Amino acid sequence: LAQDCRMSEAIIKELIKKSLEAKNQAYCPYSKFRVGAAVLTSTDKTFQGCNVENACYNLGLCAERTAMVKAVSEGCSTFKAIAIASDMKEEFISPCGACRQFMREFGTKWDVYMTKPDGKYIKMTVEELLPRSFGPEDLTEEKMTK
């Protein structure tokens, strides 16, 4: 899995731009809360995603998971970074708990860029967003027998 990769400011800005573009495709007739994401794979491919709501509210899909599922469905499952965009002016958009756990499936050492519409961002790793998390390696830990 991708580990602590250093990305140029130009690559970061491009990833953020793609997350802002993806936001325009959001299907959010209920919340009116548009979110876009762009995930950068270890092979430098970018996949965009937006939130897709559903009348049965809990069946909606977040932008981060949409982008990552698109990447995985195309054979890319190692990631360098993801940028997330919304329309919130005062706060940086942060991934929900479900998205944090979904990201964690693919490692803890890759970057998450949480943005504002003006392109400002803060960066955290998946590990910082979801400390002491449960992941694939936990399934191979030795277990007690009855």
Protein backbone atom coordinates (compact mmCIF):
# COMPACT_ATOMS: atom_id res chain seq x y z
CA LEU A 1 0.00 0.00 0.00
CA ALA A 2 1.12 3.56 -0.64
CA GLN A 3 3.14 4.94 2.24
CA ASP A 4 3.84 8.59 3.14
CA CYS A 5 4.34 9.90 -0.40
CA ARG A 6 5.43 13.47 -0.89
CA MET A 7 3.30 15.29 -3.43
CA SER A 8 4.08 18.58 -5.09
CA GLU A 9 1.83 21.56 -4.45
CA ALA A 10 0.82 21.44 -8.14
CA ILE A 11 -0.42 17.85 -7.81
CA ILE A 12 -2.28 18.71 -4.60
CA LYS A 13 -3.94 21.72 -6.26
CA GLU A 14 -4.96 19.58 -9.26
CA LEU A 15 -6.46 16.93 -6.98
CA ILE A 16 -8.41 19.60 -5.11
CA LYS A 17 -9.58 21.10 -8.43
CA LYS A 18 -10.87 17.68 -9.51
CA SER A 19 -12.73 17.26 -6.19
CA LEU A 20 -14.37 20.67 -6.71
CA GLU A 21 -15.38 19.65 -10.25
CA ALA A 22 -16.81 16.34 -9.01
CA LYS A 23 -19.04 18.24 -6.58
CA ASN A 24 -20.95 19.60 -9.58
CA GLN A 25 -22.27 16.11 -10.37
CA ALA A 26 -23.67 15.53 -6.85
CA TYR A 27 -27.15 14.06 -6.70
CA CYS A 28 -28.47 15.52 -3.45
CA PRO A 29 -32.15 16.48 -3.84
CA TYR A 30 -32.85 15.91 -0.13
CA SER A 31 -29.95 17.45 1.77
CA LYS A 32 -28.85 19.94 -0.91
CA PHE A 33 -25.34 19.27 0.49
CA ARG A 34 -23.00 18.74 -2.46
CA VAL A 35 -19.77 16.82 -1.91
CA GLY A 36 -17.10 15.89 -4.43
CA ALA A 37 -13.98 13.77 -4.07
CA ALA A 38 -10.96 12.92 -6.16
CA VAL A 39 -8.71 10.02 -5.21
CA LEU A 40 -5.15 9.65 -6.52
CA THR A 41 -3.92 6.09 -6.92
CA SER A 42 -0.38 4.83 -6.46
CA THR A 43 -0.13 4.70 -10.27
CA ASP A 44 -1.07 8.40 -10.50
CA LYS A 45 -4.56 7.80 -11.90
CA THR A 46 -7.30 10.04 -10.54
CA PHE A 47 -10.89 8.95 -9.98
CA GLN A 48 -13.65 11.42 -9.15
CA GLY A 49 -16.82 10.81 -7.20
CA CYS A 50 -19.80 12.72 -5.83
CA ASN A 51 -22.42 12.01 -3.22
CA VAL A 52 -25.49 10.18 -4.48
CA GLU A 53 -28.54 10.37 -2.22
CA ASN A 54 -31.53 8.07 -2.11
CA ALA A 55 -35.12 8.54 -0.97
CA CYS A 56 -34.34 5.78 1.53
CA TYR A 57 -31.78 8.05 3.20
CA ASN A 58 -29.40 5.41 4.57
CA LEU A 59 -28.83 4.00 1.08
CA GLY A 60 -27.03 7.11 -0.13
CA LEU A 61 -23.35 6.96 -1.02
CA CYS A 62 -20.73 9.52 -0.06
CA ALA A 63 -18.40 11.12 -2.62
CA GLU A 64 -15.29 9.56 -1.06
CA ARG A 65 -16.64 6.03 -1.32
CA THR A 66 -17.96 6.68 -4.84
CA ALA A 67 -14.48 7.74 -6.03
CA MET A 68 -12.77 4.83 -4.29
CA VAL A 69 -15.25 2.25 -5.58
CA LYS A 70 -14.71 3.56 -9.10
CA ALA A 71 -10.95 3.15 -8.64
CA VAL A 72 -11.22 -0.35 -7.20
CA SER A 73 -13.64 -1.41 -9.93
CA GLU A 74 -10.99 -0.31 -12.46
CA GLY A 75 -8.29 -2.38 -10.73
CA CYS A 76 -6.67 0.34 -8.59
CA SER A 77 -6.65 -0.31 -4.86
CA THR A 78 -3.58 1.51 -3.55
CA PHE A 79 -3.92 5.20 -2.92
CA LYS A 80 -1.68 8.22 -2.38
CA ALA A 81 -4.30 10.81 -1.48
CA ILE A 82 -7.90 11.91 -1.62
CA ALA A 83 -9.27 15.46 -1.75
CA ILE A 84 -12.78 16.25 -0.55
CA ALA A 85 -14.80 19.35 -1.48
CA SER A 86 -18.11 20.84 -0.38
CA ASP A 87 -19.90 24.19 -0.42
CA MET A 88 -19.17 24.98 3.25
CA LYS A 89 -17.45 28.37 3.38
CA GLU A 90 -16.30 28.50 6.99
CA GLU A 91 -15.37 24.86 7.72
CA PHE A 92 -13.17 22.30 6.04
CA ILE A 93 -15.19 19.31 4.83
CA SER A 94 -14.34 16.19 6.82
CA PRO A 95 -15.09 12.58 5.88
CA CYS A 96 -17.83 10.83 7.83
CA GLY A 97 -17.06 7.84 10.03
CA ALA A 98 -18.15 5.33 7.40
CA CYS A 99 -15.84 6.90 4.82
CA ARG A 100 -12.94 6.93 7.28
CA GLN A 101 -13.38 3.21 7.87
CA PHE A 102 -13.73 2.59 4.12
CA MET A 103 -10.50 4.53 3.46
CA ARG A 104 -8.77 2.59 6.22
CA GLU A 105 -9.40 -0.68 4.36
CA PHE A 106 -6.77 0.50 1.90
CA GLY A 107 -4.12 1.59 4.40
CA THR A 108 -3.47 4.20 7.04
CA LYS A 109 -0.50 6.13 5.67
CA TRP A 110 -2.12 8.00 2.80
CA ASP A 111 -3.25 11.61 2.78
CA VAL A 112 -6.69 13.16 3.09
CA TYR A 113 -7.04 16.77 1.92
CA MET A 114 -10.07 18.44 3.49
CA THR A 115 -10.90 21.62 1.59
CA LYS A 116 -12.95 24.79 1.42
CA PRO A 117 -14.47 26.12 -1.84
CA ASP A 118 -11.64 28.65 -2.18
CA GLY A 119 -9.08 25.82 -2.44
CA LYS A 120 -7.63 26.15 1.07
CA TYR A 121 -7.01 22.80 2.68
CA ILE A 122 -5.79 20.91 5.68
CA LYS A 123 -4.04 17.56 5.34
CA MET A 124 -4.29 14.58 7.64
CA THR A 125 -3.47 10.93 7.14
CA VAL A 126 -6.13 8.24 7.33
CA GLU A 127 -4.43 7.10 10.54
CA GLU A 128 -4.82 10.57 12.08
CA LEU A 129 -8.51 10.62 11.13
CA LEU A 130 -9.14 7.11 12.48
CA PRO A 131 -6.63 6.27 15.22
CA ARG A 132 -6.38 2.76 16.65
CA SER A 133 -8.55 1.50 13.82
CA PHE A 134 -9.68 -1.98 12.87
CA GLY A 135 -8.32 -3.19 9.54
CA PRO A 136 -7.64 -6.24 7.39
CA GLU A 137 -4.59 -7.31 9.39
CA ASP A 138 -6.74 -7.63 12.52
CA LEU A 139 -8.56 -10.55 10.91
CA THR A 140 -5.34 -12.58 10.97
CA GLU A 141 -4.60 -11.95 14.67
CA GLU A 142 -4.51 -15.00 16.91
CA LYS A 143 -7.87 -15.64 18.54
CA MET A 144 -8.91 -17.46 21.68
CA THR A 145 -10.46 -20.87 21.26
CA LYS A 146 -13.48 -22.05 23.21
